Amino acid sequence: MVVWIIGLSGTGKTTLANLLVQRMRNAGKKVVLLDGDLIRELFANDVDHTVEGRRRNAERLSFLSSYLAKQDVHVVAAVLSIFPEWRQWNRDNIDDYCEVYLKASLETLQRRDIKNLYKRALAGEIPNVVGVDIPFPEPENPDLVLENDTDRDNFDDLIESILKTDAVHRAMQGK
């Protein structure tokens, strides 16, 4: 089973993914967290943040998620996921794939911008920021859309929503 958590920088993907992984581990499940930035580091940062670099990283994430799922290891991936064709590839090639769109307004993301990505991109200081100079095509048919425009310390309601999706529920039940 693969939970593919999609959203722009600052939506809370990594936080949500870490919490979901912890919940699954506490339930005795074999689960791996894949994060776009961590995969870049794992491969010695050999791809940049251009569209082509992002495409290569997306391919890696999809192939690795599929491989792990076929080995009966659950995967929670926190990714920007700007390529609809790779989301479709995931649906076509990964059994028990669950796509979760973590959504927040650009205004909220700019307010949360601890890395100053949006501020610097909007000022023209840095290129290749998704949502500013690289388009973010929203997922057309995610299994779940979670609104995250509020600043929160507790993600329990979002975790519970993910756990209720068919694929995740089956995985948690051992089916």
C-alpha atoms as a PDB file:
ATOM      1  CA  MET A   1       0.000   0.000   0.000  1.00  0.00           C
ATOM      2  CA  VAL A   2       1.237   3.469  -0.896  1.00  0.00           C
ATOM      3  CA  VAL A   3      -0.138   6.714   0.533  1.00  0.00           C
ATOM      4  CA  TRP A   4       0.954   9.513  -1.804  1.00  0.00           C
ATOM      5  CA  ILE A   5       0.548  12.850   0.036  1.00  0.00           C
ATOM      6  CA  ILE A   6       0.583  15.729  -2.450  1.00  0.00           C
ATOM      7  CA  GLY A   7       0.782  19.439  -1.760  1.00  0.00           C
ATOM      8  CA  LEU A   8       2.800  22.580  -2.204  1.00  0.00           C
ATOM      9  CA  SER A   9       5.733  23.490   0.053  1.00  0.00           C
ATOM     10  CA  GLY A  10       4.417  24.473   3.456  1.00  0.00           C
ATOM     11  CA  THR A  11       1.142  22.535   3.368  1.00  0.00           C
ATOM     12  CA  GLY A  12       2.316  20.138   6.083  1.00  0.00           C
ATOM     13  CA  LYS A  13       3.014  17.070   3.921  1.00  0.00           C
ATOM     14  CA  THR A  14       6.120  15.971   5.803  1.00  0.00           C
ATOM     15  CA  THR A  15       4.571  16.550   9.215  1.00  0.00           C
ATOM     16  CA  LEU A  16       1.443  14.625   8.243  1.00  0.00           C
ATOM     17  CA  ALA A  17       3.490  11.827   6.654  1.00  0.00           C
ATOM     18  CA  ASN A  18       5.695  11.438   9.739  1.00  0.00           C
ATOM     19  CA  LEU A  19       2.654  11.245  12.008  1.00  0.00           C
ATOM     20  CA  LEU A  20       0.945   8.689   9.754  1.00  0.00           C
ATOM     21  CA  VAL A  21       4.100   6.553   9.643  1.00  0.00           C
ATOM     22  CA  GLN A  22       4.339   6.661  13.434  1.00  0.00           C
ATOM     23  CA  ARG A  23       0.695   5.617  13.789  1.00  0.00           C
ATOM     24  CA  MET A  24       1.229   2.713  11.386  1.00  0.00           C
ATOM     25  CA  ARG A  25       4.412   1.594  13.145  1.00  0.00           C
ATOM     26  CA  ASN A  26       2.617   1.718  16.487  1.00  0.00           C
ATOM     27  CA  ALA A  27       0.055  -0.649  14.930  1.00  0.00           C
ATOM     28  CA  GLY A  28       2.885  -3.048  14.014  1.00  0.00           C
ATOM     29  CA  LYS A  29       3.002  -2.271  10.276  1.00  0.00           C
ATOM     30  CA  LYS A  30       6.172  -2.283   8.172  1.00  0.00           C
ATOM     31  CA  VAL A  31       6.203   1.196   6.690  1.00  0.00           C
ATOM     32  CA  VAL A  32       8.764   3.472   5.057  1.00  0.00           C
ATOM     33  CA  LEU A  33       8.598   7.244   4.754  1.00  0.00           C
ATOM     34  CA  LEU A  34       9.679   8.682   1.405  1.00  0.00           C
ATOM     35  CA  ASP A  35      10.052  12.439   1.154  1.00  0.00           C
ATOM     36  CA  GLY A  36      11.044  14.253  -2.015  1.00  0.00           C
ATOM     37  CA  ASP A  37      13.869  16.153  -0.287  1.00  0.00           C
ATOM     38  CA  LEU A  38      15.160  13.025   1.463  1.00  0.00           C
ATOM     39  CA  ILE A  39      15.238  11.094  -1.817  1.00  0.00           C
ATOM     40  CA  ARG A  40      17.281  13.919  -3.353  1.00  0.00           C
ATOM     41  CA  GLU A  41      19.780  13.594  -0.489  1.00  0.00           C
ATOM     42  CA  LEU A  42      19.854   9.799  -0.777  1.00  0.00           C
ATOM     43  CA  PHE A  43      20.946  10.149  -4.408  1.00  0.00           C
ATOM     44  CA  ALA A  44      23.646  12.729  -3.536  1.00  0.00           C
ATOM     45  CA  ASN A  45      21.564  15.699  -4.708  1.00  0.00           C
ATOM     46  CA  ASP A  46      22.261  14.790  -8.335  1.00  0.00           C
ATOM     47  CA  VAL A  47      19.085  16.480  -9.595  1.00  0.00           C
ATOM     48  CA  ASP A  48      18.208  20.143  -9.383  1.00  0.00           C
ATOM     49  CA  HIS A  49      14.841  21.863  -8.877  1.00  0.00           C
ATOM     50  CA  THR A  50      14.172  22.575 -12.546  1.00  0.00           C
ATOM     51  CA  VAL A  51      11.186  20.837 -14.119  1.00  0.00           C
ATOM     52  CA  GLU A  52      13.478  18.141 -15.550  1.00  0.00           C
ATOM     53  CA  GLY A  53      15.236  17.603 -12.224  1.00  0.00           C
ATOM     54  CA  ARG A  54      11.874  17.373 -10.503  1.00  0.00           C
ATOM     55  CA  ARG A  55      10.676  14.888 -13.143  1.00  0.00           C
ATOM     56  CA  ARG A  56      13.649  12.616 -12.484  1.00  0.00           C
ATOM     57  CA  ASN A  57      13.022  12.759  -8.745  1.00  0.00           C
ATOM     58  CA  ALA A  58       9.330  11.997  -9.330  1.00  0.00           C
ATOM     59  CA  GLU A  59      10.277   8.935 -11.380  1.00  0.00           C
ATOM     60  CA  ARG A  60      12.527   7.719  -8.588  1.00  0.00           C
ATOM     61  CA  LEU A  61       9.816   8.191  -5.983  1.00  0.00           C
ATOM     62  CA  SER A  62       7.246   6.328  -8.062  1.00  0.00           C
ATOM     63  CA  PHE A  63       9.551   3.438  -8.962  1.00  0.00           C
ATOM     64  CA  LEU A  64      10.820   3.106  -5.403  1.00  0.00           C
ATOM     65  CA  SER A  65       7.275   3.225  -3.975  1.00  0.00           C
ATOM     66  CA  SER A  66       6.141   0.517  -6.381  1.00  0.00           C
ATOM     67  CA  TYR A  67       9.167  -1.645  -5.603  1.00  0.00           C
ATOM     68  CA  LEU A  68       8.680  -1.400  -1.838  1.00  0.00           C
ATOM     69  CA  ALA A  69       4.932  -2.055  -2.063  1.00  0.00           C
ATOM     70  CA  LYS A  70       5.639  -5.228  -4.056  1.00  0.00           C
ATOM     71  CA  GLN A  71       7.907  -6.319  -1.187  1.00  0.00           C
ATOM     72  CA  ASP A  72       4.967  -5.950   1.253  1.00  0.00           C
ATOM     73  CA  VAL A  73       6.365  -2.763   2.745  1.00  0.00           C
ATOM     74  CA  HIS A  74       3.854   0.043   3.137  1.00  0.00           C
ATOM     75  CA  VAL A  75       4.965   3.452   1.875  1.00  0.00           C
ATOM     76  CA  VAL A  76       3.959   6.944   2.905  1.00  0.00           C
ATOM     77  CA  ALA A  77       5.344   9.472   0.421  1.00  0.00           C
ATOM     78  CA  ALA A  78       5.329  13.238   0.955  1.00  0.00           C
ATOM     79  CA  VAL A  79       5.800  14.814  -2.477  1.00  0.00           C
ATOM     80  CA  LEU A  80       4.997  17.920  -4.508  1.00  0.00           C
ATOM     81  CA  SER A  81       3.905  15.612  -7.334  1.00  0.00           C
ATOM     82  CA  ILE A  82       3.582  18.107 -10.182  1.00  0.00           C
ATOM     83  CA  PHE A  83       3.411  15.495 -12.925  1.00  0.00           C
ATOM     84  CA  PRO A  84      -0.094  14.127 -13.584  1.00  0.00           C
ATOM     85  CA  GLU A  85       1.393  11.388 -15.782  1.00  0.00           C
ATOM     86  CA  TRP A  86       3.356  10.019 -12.813  1.00  0.00           C
ATOM     87  CA  ARG A  87       0.302  10.110 -10.570  1.00  0.00           C
ATOM     88  CA  GLN A  88      -1.459   8.084 -13.270  1.00  0.00           C
ATOM     89  CA  TRP A  89       1.509   5.737 -13.496  1.00  0.00           C
ATOM     90  CA  ASN A  90       1.188   5.188  -9.738  1.00  0.00           C
ATOM     91  CA  ARG A  91      -2.513   4.343 -10.111  1.00  0.00           C
ATOM     92  CA  ASP A  92      -1.770   1.941 -12.958  1.00  0.00           C
ATOM     93  CA  ASN A  93       1.210   0.208 -11.332  1.00  0.00           C
ATOM     94  CA  ILE A  94       0.754   0.277  -7.559  1.00  0.00           C
ATOM     95  CA  ASP A  95      -1.814  -1.920  -5.857  1.00  0.00           C
ATOM     96  CA  ASP A  96      -3.609  -0.196  -2.990  1.00  0.00           C
ATOM     97  CA  TYR A  97      -2.523   3.297  -4.011  1.00  0.00           C
ATOM     98  CA  CYS A  98      -4.094   6.152  -2.060  1.00  0.00           C
ATOM     99  CA  GLU A  99      -3.631   9.711  -3.303  1.00  0.00           C
ATOM    100  CA  VAL A 100      -4.133  12.396  -0.645  1.00  0.00           C
ATOM    101  CA  TYR A 101      -4.160  16.052  -1.657  1.00  0.00           C
ATOM    102  CA  LEU A 102      -3.190  18.306   1.243  1.00  0.00           C
ATOM    103  CA  LYS A 103      -4.486  21.677   0.164  1.00  0.00           C
ATOM    104  CA  ALA A 104      -3.745  25.182   1.444  1.00  0.00           C
ATOM    105  CA  SER A 105      -4.075  28.618  -0.118  1.00  0.00           C
ATOM    106  CA  LEU A 106      -1.013  30.471  -1.392  1.00  0.00           C
ATOM    107  CA  GLU A 107      -1.754  33.149   1.214  1.00  0.00           C
ATOM    108  CA  THR A 108      -1.489  30.541   3.977  1.00  0.00           C
ATOM    109  CA  LEU A 109       1.686  29.084   2.470  1.00  0.00           C
ATOM    110  CA  GLN A 110       3.310  32.514   2.277  1.00  0.00           C
ATOM    111  CA  ARG A 111       2.461  33.094   5.942  1.00  0.00           C
ATOM    112  CA  ARG A 112       4.019  29.723   6.909  1.00  0.00           C
ATOM    113  CA  ASP A 113       7.048  30.222   4.649  1.00  0.00           C
ATOM    114  CA  ILE A 114       9.805  29.360   7.161  1.00  0.00           C
ATOM    115  CA  LYS A 115      12.330  28.719   4.356  1.00  0.00           C
ATOM    116  CA  ASN A 116      11.371  32.024   2.638  1.00  0.00           C
ATOM    117  CA  LEU A 117      10.876  30.114  -0.632  1.00  0.00           C
ATOM    118  CA  TYR A 118       7.773  32.000  -1.720  1.00  0.00           C
ATOM    119  CA  LYS A 119       9.054  35.378  -0.569  1.00  0.00           C
ATOM    120  CA  ARG A 120      12.344  34.932  -2.428  1.00  0.00           C
ATOM    121  CA  ALA A 121      10.665  33.515  -5.556  1.00  0.00           C
ATOM    122  CA  LEU A 122       8.101  36.303  -5.718  1.00  0.00           C
ATOM    123  CA  ALA A 123      10.938  38.837  -5.363  1.00  0.00           C
ATOM    124  CA  GLY A 124      12.727  37.192  -8.309  1.00  0.00           C
ATOM    125  CA  GLU A 125      15.650  36.067  -6.135  1.00  0.00           C
ATOM    126  CA  ILE A 126      15.296  32.327  -6.812  1.00  0.00           C
ATOM    127  CA  PRO A 127      13.826  30.362  -9.735  1.00  0.00           C
ATOM    128  CA  ASN A 128      12.048  27.019  -9.964  1.00  0.00           C
ATOM    129  CA  VAL A 129       9.566  27.354  -7.116  1.00  0.00           C
ATOM    130  CA  VAL A 130       6.415  25.320  -7.620  1.00  0.00           C
ATOM    131  CA  GLY A 131       3.352  27.498  -7.248  1.00  0.00           C
ATOM    132  CA  VAL A 132       5.238  30.621  -8.333  1.00  0.00           C
ATOM    133  CA  ASP A 133       7.161  30.092 -11.592  1.00  0.00           C
ATOM    134  CA  ILE A 134       6.518  26.350 -11.983  1.00  0.00           C
ATOM    135  CA  PRO A 135       2.817  25.512 -12.267  1.00  0.00           C
ATOM    136  CA  PHE A 136       1.202  23.183  -9.751  1.00  0.00           C
ATOM    137  CA  PRO A 137      -1.489  21.131 -11.496  1.00  0.00           C
ATOM    138  CA  GLU A 138      -3.902  20.169  -8.754  1.00  0.00           C
ATOM    139  CA  PRO A 139      -4.723  16.461  -8.676  1.00  0.00           C
ATOM    140  CA  GLU A 140      -7.878  15.796 -10.683  1.00  0.00           C
ATOM    141  CA  ASN A 141      -9.139  12.728  -8.847  1.00  0.00           C
ATOM    142  CA  PRO A 142      -7.404  12.286  -5.508  1.00  0.00           C
ATOM    143  CA  ASP A 143      -8.801   9.679  -3.154  1.00  0.00           C
ATOM    144  CA  LEU A 144      -8.951  12.303  -0.427  1.00  0.00           C
ATOM    145  CA  VAL A 145      -8.683  16.096  -0.238  1.00  0.00           C
ATOM    146  CA  LEU A 146      -7.669  17.550   3.116  1.00  0.00           C
ATOM    147  CA  GLU A 147      -7.892  21.293   3.665  1.00  0.00           C
ATOM    148  CA  ASN A 148      -5.026  22.613   5.778  1.00  0.00           C
ATOM    149  CA  ASP A 149      -5.433  26.375   5.794  1.00  0.00           C
ATOM    150  CA  THR A 150      -5.463  26.587   9.579  1.00  0.00           C
ATOM    151  CA  ASP A 151      -2.297  26.598  11.616  1.00  0.00           C
ATOM    152  CA  ARG A 152      -2.472  23.537  13.812  1.00  0.00           C
ATOM    153  CA  ASP A 153      -0.524  21.667  16.418  1.00  0.00           C
ATOM    154  CA  ASN A 154      -2.699  18.577  16.114  1.00  0.00           C
ATOM    155  CA  PHE A 155      -3.097  16.566  12.920  1.00  0.00           C
ATOM    156  CA  ASP A 156      -5.226  13.786  14.445  1.00  0.00           C
ATOM    157  CA  ASP A 157      -8.333  14.627  12.393  1.00  0.00           C
ATOM    158  CA  LEU A 158      -6.325  14.519   9.157  1.00  0.00           C
ATOM    159  CA  ILE A 159      -4.674  11.221  10.140  1.00  0.00           C
ATOM    160  CA  GLU A 160      -8.070   9.714  10.958  1.00  0.00           C
ATOM    161  CA  SER A 161      -9.403  10.766   7.547  1.00  0.00           C
ATOM    162  CA  ILE A 162      -6.491   9.013   5.820  1.00  0.00           C
ATOM    163  CA  LEU A 163      -6.924   5.882   7.937  1.00  0.00           C
ATOM    164  CA  LYS A 164     -10.558   5.655   6.777  1.00  0.00           C
ATOM    165  CA  THR A 165      -9.681   5.509   3.063  1.00  0.00           C
ATOM    166  CA  ASP A 166     -10.193   2.066   1.547  1.00  0.00           C
ATOM    167  CA  ALA A 167      -6.553   1.259   0.778  1.00  0.00           C
ATOM    168  CA  VAL A 168      -5.218   2.386   4.141  1.00  0.00           C
ATOM    169  CA  HIS A 169      -8.043   0.754   6.070  1.00  0.00           C
ATOM    170  CA  ARG A 170      -7.329  -2.563   4.313  1.00  0.00           C
ATOM    171  CA  ALA A 171      -3.602  -2.241   5.044  1.00  0.00           C
ATOM    172  CA  MET A 172      -4.246  -1.502   8.712  1.00  0.00           C
ATOM    173  CA  GLN A 173      -6.526  -4.534   8.922  1.00  0.00           C
ATOM    174  CA  GLY A 174      -3.813  -6.688   7.379  1.00  0.00           C
ATOM    175  CA  LYS A 175      -5.738  -7.389   4.160  1.00  0.00           C
END
